C-alpha atoms as a PDB file:
ATOM      1  CA  MET A   1     196.188 111.076 -31.840  1.00  0.00           C
ATOM      2  CA  VAL A   2     192.923 112.370 -33.295  1.00  0.00           C
ATOM      3  CA  VAL A   3     189.670 111.266 -31.744  1.00  0.00           C
ATOM      4  CA  SER A   4     187.058 110.916 -34.478  1.00  0.00           C
ATOM      5  CA  GLN A   5     184.065 110.269 -32.262  1.00  0.00           C
ATOM      6  CA  ARG A   6     182.678 112.830 -29.914  1.00  0.00           C
ATOM      7  CA  GLN A   7     182.842 111.642 -26.336  1.00  0.00           C
ATOM      8  CA  LYS A   8     179.562 111.734 -24.481  1.00  0.00           C
ATOM      9  CA  ARG A   9     179.386 113.183 -21.009  1.00  0.00           C
ATOM     10  CA  ARG A  10     177.613 111.230 -18.346  1.00  0.00           C
ATOM     11  CA  SER A  11     174.686 112.779 -16.563  1.00  0.00           C
ATOM     12  CA  ARG A  12     175.518 113.976 -13.049  1.00  0.00           C
ATOM     13  CA  LEU A  13     172.107 112.984 -11.788  1.00  0.00           C
ATOM     14  CA  ASP A  14     171.090 109.416 -12.567  1.00  0.00           C
ATOM     15  CA  PRO A  15     167.279 109.271 -12.445  1.00  0.00           C
ATOM     16  CA  SER A  16     167.299 105.554 -11.661  1.00  0.00           C
ATOM     17  CA  LYS A  17     169.136 106.212  -8.380  1.00  0.00           C
ATOM     18  CA  ILE A  18     167.021 109.084  -7.060  1.00  0.00           C
ATOM     19  CA  ASP A  19     165.116 108.610  -3.828  1.00  0.00           C
ATOM     20  CA  VAL A  20     161.749 110.253  -4.516  1.00  0.00           C
ATOM     21  CA  ASP A  21     161.133 110.786  -0.793  1.00  0.00           C
ATOM     22  CA  ASN A  22     164.261 112.939  -0.468  1.00  0.00           C
ATOM     23  CA  MET A  23     163.660 115.225  -3.447  1.00  0.00           C
ATOM     24  CA  ASP A  24     163.358 118.950  -2.779  1.00  0.00           C
ATOM     25  CA  GLY A  25     161.835 119.931  -6.144  1.00  0.00           C
ATOM     26  CA  SER A  26     164.916 121.648  -7.529  1.00  0.00           C
ATOM     27  CA  GLU A  27     166.004 118.622  -9.567  1.00  0.00           C
ATOM     28  CA  ASN A  28     166.032 119.404 -13.278  1.00  0.00           C
ATOM     29  CA  VAL A  29     163.967 116.967 -15.358  1.00  0.00           C
ATOM     30  CA  SER A  30     165.063 116.158 -18.904  1.00  0.00           C
ATOM     31  CA  VAL A  31     162.421 116.817 -21.548  1.00  0.00           C
ATOM     32  CA  VAL A  32     162.181 115.804 -25.213  1.00  0.00           C
ATOM     33  CA  ASP A  33     160.505 117.656 -28.083  1.00  0.00           C
ATOM     34  CA  ARG A  34     158.095 115.225 -29.773  1.00  0.00           C
ATOM     35  CA  LEU A  35     158.456 116.976 -33.149  1.00  0.00           C
ATOM     36  CA  THR A  36     162.221 117.357 -33.428  1.00  0.00           C
ATOM     37  CA  GLY A  37     163.589 114.863 -30.883  1.00  0.00           C
ATOM     38  CA  LYS A  38     165.630 117.653 -29.270  1.00  0.00           C
ATOM     39  CA  LYS A  39     166.427 117.027 -25.604  1.00  0.00           C
ATOM     40  CA  ILE A  40     166.808 119.661 -22.929  1.00  0.00           C
ATOM     41  CA  THR A  41     168.864 118.405 -20.009  1.00  0.00           C
ATOM     42  CA  GLY A  42     170.881 119.634 -17.073  1.00  0.00           C
ATOM     43  CA  ALA A  43     170.650 123.232 -15.911  1.00  0.00           C
ATOM     44  CA  LYS A  44     168.579 124.221 -18.962  1.00  0.00           C
ATOM     45  CA  ALA A  45     165.879 121.646 -18.175  1.00  0.00           C
ATOM     46  CA  PRO A  46     162.909 122.671 -16.027  1.00  0.00           C
ATOM     47  CA  PRO A  47     163.020 121.873 -12.292  1.00  0.00           C
ATOM     48  CA  ILE A  48     160.469 119.306 -11.176  1.00  0.00           C
ATOM     49  CA  LYS A  49     158.629 121.852  -9.011  1.00  0.00           C
ATOM     50  CA  HIS A  50     157.863 123.940 -12.132  1.00  0.00           C
ATOM     51  CA  LEU A  51     157.551 121.056 -14.594  1.00  0.00           C
ATOM     52  CA  GLN A  52     153.779 121.101 -14.997  1.00  0.00           C
ATOM     53  CA  GLU A  53     153.707 124.824 -15.742  1.00  0.00           C
ATOM     54  CA  TRP A  54     156.686 124.476 -18.118  1.00  0.00           C
ATOM     55  CA  LEU A  55     154.989 121.655 -20.046  1.00  0.00           C
ATOM     56  CA  VAL A  56     151.805 123.731 -20.430  1.00  0.00           C
ATOM     57  CA  ARG A  57     153.863 126.586 -21.908  1.00  0.00           C
ATOM     58  CA  ASN A  58     155.812 124.150 -24.129  1.00  0.00           C
ATOM     59  CA  PRO A  59     153.175 121.691 -25.401  1.00  0.00           C
ATOM     60  CA  THR A  60     155.428 119.887 -27.896  1.00  0.00           C
ATOM     61  CA  TYR A  61     157.670 118.591 -25.084  1.00  0.00           C
ATOM     62  CA  ASP A  62     157.288 115.439 -23.003  1.00  0.00           C
ATOM     63  CA  VAL A  63     159.200 114.187 -19.986  1.00  0.00           C
ATOM     64  CA  ASP A  64     162.206 112.070 -20.946  1.00  0.00           C
ATOM     65  CA  PRO A  65     161.293 108.386 -20.410  1.00  0.00           C
ATOM     66  CA  LYS A  66     164.236 108.050 -17.998  1.00  0.00           C
ATOM     67  CA  TRP A  67     162.428 110.466 -15.666  1.00  0.00           C
ATOM     68  CA  SER A  68     158.837 109.282 -16.144  1.00  0.00           C
ATOM     69  CA  HIS A  69     158.727 106.996 -13.076  1.00  0.00           C
ATOM     70  CA  ILE A  70     160.060 109.769 -10.850  1.00  0.00           C
ATOM     71  CA  VAL A  71     157.647 112.373 -12.185  1.00  0.00           C
ATOM     72  CA  ALA A  72     154.723 109.959 -11.811  1.00  0.00           C
ATOM     73  CA  ALA A  73     155.718 109.180  -8.222  1.00  0.00           C
ATOM     74  CA  ARG A  74     156.237 112.838  -7.400  1.00  0.00           C
ATOM     75  CA  VAL A  75     152.861 113.823  -8.858  1.00  0.00           C
ATOM     76  CA  SER A  76     151.012 111.059  -7.021  1.00  0.00           C
ATOM     77  CA  THR A  77     152.740 112.043  -3.764  1.00  0.00           C
ATOM     78  CA  ALA A  78     151.765 115.707  -4.289  1.00  0.00           C
ATOM     79  CA  LEU A  79     148.126 114.720  -4.814  1.00  0.00           C
ATOM     80  CA  ILE A  80     148.014 112.940  -1.459  1.00  0.00           C
ATOM     81  CA  PHE A  81     148.930 116.078   0.507  1.00  0.00           C
END
C-alpha cells in the first residue's frame, strides 16, 4: 500500500495547554517568516527566554499566532518583576 499524502507529525508541546505560571523559559516558540511563510518549530525554534533578542536579529520573523497569547502573558509577567 502506497501512501500518497505525507503524514503530519503532531507538536509535542501544545501551546493552548501550557500553564504560563509554570514555564521555565526553555520552551521553544514557533516563529513564522512574514516574507516566505516559512515556520521554524521544535528544537530549531528560539526558546522563550531568548525570543526578544532572536526577533531583533531576525526582523522578518513573527511569533506564530498559536504562541502569541503565551508570549504576551510571559512578557507582561516579566515587566511586573
